[in-house]
Structure formats: structure tokens, C-alpha cells
């Protein structure tokens, strides 16, 4: 039951990331269409009217940060992060497991540390009412909250991997890749 809940959490995180990528597409496409309308107005009326989506670049940047952070855990569990396995794939099973445990432990520590501090920053931004500097004053705690949640899900995924490897199971992120080919 817990396994199903965690797998759904990682999948939901991936879908949220995809949604933010779609939001970037929509905002940029909207601005491009408005620019095209302005060009057509310049050709027909001789003067553009300056159509724009206020703070569209800022929105796109915040959506990119959210997409990046929400994608971290899903990408880890799918084996999509870049890892150096060339050396450890040839080590004895016990040593390889010890190195995997160490790597997952360091990952948990770094991710947990980052999650703690970005959560504190998010809280401070909310408490002080910090807003962005664009045409549309966006409360900064909103994009920071997306980063916090994405980092938290990554920390949970790394803890999940740590306990998995510590119990002697192969890590979920190791999709059985053999970098030297089947005859190595």
C-alpha cells in the first residue's frame, strides 16, 4: 500500500512538471501570437498597439523552476538522472551496494538540507509579503512553494531508494543498463 502511494506521488509529480511545461508553452505561444498581431497591425495600419502578456517572461521562468523541481523525483525513479555507473557496475555486489547506500545517503542529506532551507525561504517570503519586480507583482512564495514541494518529493524518493538498497534490493533508478554492451 505504501509502495503504491509512493509510486503515485512520483507519477503525480511528473505530471505536474508536464503541466508546468505546457503552461510555459501556452504563455510563450500567446505572446508570439500577440507579437504577430502587432506585426500585422503595423503592416495594415502603420502602427502597432503593443500587445503583450504582462510579465510573460517572469511567468515562464517561474513555471520552468516549478517544472524542473517537480520532475526531479519522477526522473530519479525512472533512471533518467545522469549517473556514473561505468566503474561500479564492475564491482563485487557487496561493494557496489555499499557505494549505492553511501550515494543515496549523501543524496538524502543534500536534498534534505536544500528542502529545509528553501522551505524557510518560502515561509519568510510569505511572512514578509515579498513580490516579484515585474509588471504583475507575483507573491514570491508561490514559485518558491513549487520548488519546496518538488525538493521534498525528491528527498522522499531518495529516502525510498536508500531503504531499498539498504534492504538488498536493486535501486529503482538502475534500469539494468550495461554501458559496455551485453558482451562486456
Protein backbone atom coordinates (compact mmCIF):
# COMPACT_ATOMS: atom_id res chain seq x y z
CA UNK A 1 0.00 0.00 0.00
CA UNK A 2 2.81 2.42 0.86
CA UNK A 3 4.64 1.39 -2.32
CA UNK A 4 1.58 2.23 -4.40
CA UNK A 5 1.17 5.59 -2.65
CA UNK A 6 4.83 6.50 -3.22
CA UNK A 7 4.74 5.45 -6.87
CA UNK A 8 1.61 7.56 -7.35
CA UNK A 9 3.33 10.50 -5.66
CA UNK A 10 6.27 10.27 -8.06
CA UNK A 11 3.96 9.90 -11.06
CA UNK A 12 1.83 12.86 -9.93
CA UNK A 13 4.99 14.91 -9.53
CA UNK A 14 5.95 14.04 -13.11
CA UNK A 15 2.52 15.03 -14.39
CA UNK A 16 2.65 18.32 -12.50
CA UNK A 17 6.02 19.01 -14.13
CA UNK A 18 4.50 18.27 -17.53
CA UNK A 19 1.64 20.64 -16.73
CA UNK A 20 4.08 23.44 -15.98
CA UNK A 21 5.90 22.76 -19.25
CA UNK A 22 2.56 23.05 -21.01
CA UNK A 23 1.94 26.33 -19.19
CA UNK A 24 5.29 27.65 -20.48
CA UNK A 25 4.25 26.65 -23.99
CA UNK A 26 0.88 28.42 -23.61
CA UNK A 27 2.37 31.66 -22.27
CA UNK A 28 5.11 31.84 -24.90
CA UNK A 29 2.73 30.88 -27.71
CA UNK A 30 0.28 33.53 -26.52
CA UNK A 31 2.97 36.19 -26.57
CA UNK A 32 4.19 35.10 -30.01
CA UNK A 33 0.62 35.34 -31.36
CA UNK A 34 0.24 38.81 -29.85
CA UNK A 35 3.54 39.82 -31.47
CA UNK A 36 2.26 38.54 -34.83
CA UNK A 37 -0.95 40.52 -34.44
CA UNK A 38 1.16 43.61 -33.72
CA UNK A 39 3.21 42.98 -36.88
CA UNK A 40 0.02 42.64 -38.92
CA UNK A 41 -1.31 45.86 -37.42
CA UNK A 42 1.94 47.61 -38.31
CA UNK A 43 1.63 46.44 -41.93
CA UNK A 44 -2.05 47.33 -42.24
CA UNK A 45 -2.46 50.40 -40.03
CA UNK A 46 1.14 51.57 -39.98
CA UNK A 47 1.40 51.40 -36.20
CA UNK A 48 1.46 48.50 -33.70
CA UNK A 49 -0.54 48.82 -30.48
CA UNK A 50 1.93 46.95 -28.27
CA UNK A 51 0.02 43.83 -27.34
CA UNK A 52 1.66 41.76 -24.61
CA UNK A 53 1.05 39.35 -21.80
CA UNK A 54 2.24 41.28 -18.75
CA UNK A 55 5.24 39.62 -17.06
CA UNK A 56 5.11 36.69 -19.50
CA UNK A 57 8.86 36.08 -19.24
CA UNK A 58 8.62 36.07 -15.46
CA UNK A 59 5.71 33.63 -15.55
CA UNK A 60 7.64 31.37 -17.91
CA UNK A 61 10.67 31.47 -15.60
CA UNK A 62 8.60 30.58 -12.55
CA UNK A 63 6.89 27.77 -14.49
CA UNK A 64 10.32 26.48 -15.54
CA UNK A 65 11.52 26.37 -11.93
CA UNK A 66 8.36 24.51 -10.89
CA UNK A 67 8.64 22.05 -13.78
CA UNK A 68 12.30 21.39 -13.03
CA UNK A 69 11.76 20.69 -9.34
CA UNK A 70 8.61 18.60 -9.76
CA UNK A 71 10.38 16.49 -12.41
CA UNK A 72 13.31 15.56 -10.15
CA UNK A 73 11.75 12.67 -8.20
CA UNK A 74 9.98 11.16 -11.21
CA UNK A 75 13.15 11.36 -13.28
CA UNK A 76 15.17 9.73 -10.48
CA UNK A 77 12.75 6.82 -10.15
CA UNK A 78 12.75 6.33 -13.94
CA UNK A 79 16.56 6.22 -14.08
CA UNK A 80 16.77 9.44 -16.08
CA UNK A 81 19.35 11.27 -13.98
CA UNK A 82 22.93 11.16 -15.18
CA UNK A 83 24.93 8.71 -13.10
CA UNK A 84 28.43 7.38 -13.38
CA UNK A 85 27.99 3.62 -13.39
CA UNK A 86 30.95 2.69 -15.55
CA UNK A 87 33.06 1.83 -12.51
CA UNK A 88 30.54 0.50 -10.01
CA UNK A 89 28.85 -1.88 -12.44
CA UNK A 90 32.05 -3.99 -12.39
CA UNK A 91 32.48 -4.04 -8.60
CA UNK A 92 31.54 -7.00 -6.42
CA UNK A 93 27.90 -6.91 -5.32
CA UNK A 94 28.68 -6.07 -1.67
CA UNK A 95 30.97 -3.17 -2.51
CA UNK A 96 28.58 -1.87 -5.13
CA UNK A 97 25.74 -1.98 -2.58
CA UNK A 98 27.87 -0.07 -0.04
CA UNK A 99 28.63 2.62 -2.62
CA UNK A 100 24.95 2.83 -3.62
CA UNK A 101 23.99 3.22 0.06
CA UNK A 102 26.60 5.94 0.51
CA UNK A 103 25.43 7.78 -2.64
CA UNK A 104 21.77 7.59 -1.65
CA UNK A 105 22.65 8.74 1.87
CA UNK A 106 24.56 11.74 0.55
CA UNK A 107 21.67 12.46 -1.81
CA UNK A 108 19.20 12.39 1.08
CA UNK A 109 21.41 14.70 3.14
CA UNK A 110 21.91 17.24 0.35
CA UNK A 111 18.29 17.15 -0.79
CA UNK A 112 17.01 17.34 2.78
CA UNK A 113 19.28 20.28 3.55
CA UNK A 114 18.13 22.12 0.43
CA UNK A 115 14.47 21.33 1.16
CA UNK A 116 14.77 22.69 4.69
CA UNK A 117 16.30 25.98 3.58
CA UNK A 118 14.04 26.56 0.59
CA UNK A 119 11.06 25.87 2.89
CA UNK A 120 12.37 28.52 5.32
CA UNK A 121 12.83 30.98 2.45
CA UNK A 122 9.29 30.25 1.27
CA UNK A 123 7.95 30.92 4.77
CA UNK A 124 9.87 34.18 5.03
CA UNK A 125 8.64 35.34 1.62
CA UNK A 126 5.08 34.61 2.69
CA UNK A 127 5.50 36.29 6.08
CA UNK A 128 7.09 39.45 4.64
CA UNK A 129 4.83 39.62 1.57
CA UNK A 130 7.70 39.56 -0.94
CA UNK A 131 6.61 40.03 -4.55
CA UNK A 132 8.37 39.91 -7.91
CA UNK A 133 9.50 43.06 -9.69
CA UNK A 134 7.62 42.54 -12.98
CA UNK A 135 4.52 44.30 -14.25
CA UNK A 136 2.44 41.74 -12.37
CA UNK A 137 3.57 41.57 -8.73
CA UNK A 138 3.63 37.81 -8.12
CA UNK A 139 3.94 36.72 -4.49
CA UNK A 140 7.34 35.01 -4.40
CA UNK A 141 6.16 32.31 -2.02
CA UNK A 142 4.12 30.78 -4.87
CA UNK A 143 7.03 29.75 -7.12
CA UNK A 144 9.13 29.01 -4.04
CA UNK A 145 6.41 26.68 -2.75
CA UNK A 146 6.58 24.72 -6.01
CA UNK A 147 10.34 24.41 -5.54
CA UNK A 148 9.88 23.34 -1.92
CA UNK A 149 7.33 20.66 -2.79
CA UNK A 150 9.43 19.35 -5.67
CA UNK A 151 12.52 19.18 -3.45
CA UNK A 152 10.51 17.45 -0.72
CA UNK A 153 9.28 14.78 -3.13
CA UNK A 154 12.88 14.29 -4.31
CA UNK A 155 14.01 13.83 -0.70
CA UNK A 156 11.27 11.25 -0.16
CA UNK A 157 12.32 9.45 -3.37
CA UNK A 158 15.95 9.38 -2.25
CA UNK A 159 14.93 8.04 1.17
CA UNK A 160 12.87 5.42 -0.65
CA UNK A 161 15.92 4.43 -2.69
CA UNK A 162 18.17 4.41 0.39
CA UNK A 163 15.94 1.98 2.28
CA UNK A 164 15.50 -0.12 -0.87
CA UNK A 165 19.26 -0.50 -1.40
CA UNK A 166 19.89 -0.99 2.33
CA UNK A 167 17.48 -3.95 2.25
CA UNK A 168 19.50 -5.53 -0.55
CA UNK A 169 17.17 -4.73 -3.44
CA UNK A 170 18.48 -3.15 -6.64
CA UNK A 171 17.79 0.59 -6.86
CA UNK A 172 14.74 1.53 -8.93
CA UNK A 173 16.81 4.09 -10.81
CA UNK A 174 19.10 1.33 -12.12
CA UNK A 175 17.19 0.18 -15.16
CA UNK A 176 19.63 -2.64 -15.83
CA UNK A 177 21.79 -0.57 -18.12
CA UNK A 178 25.06 -2.05 -19.24
CA UNK A 179 27.21 0.73 -20.63
CA UNK A 180 29.73 -1.59 -22.24
CA UNK A 181 27.16 -3.73 -24.01
CA UNK A 182 25.91 -7.28 -23.47
CA UNK A 183 29.27 -8.97 -24.14
CA UNK A 184 31.38 -6.98 -21.71
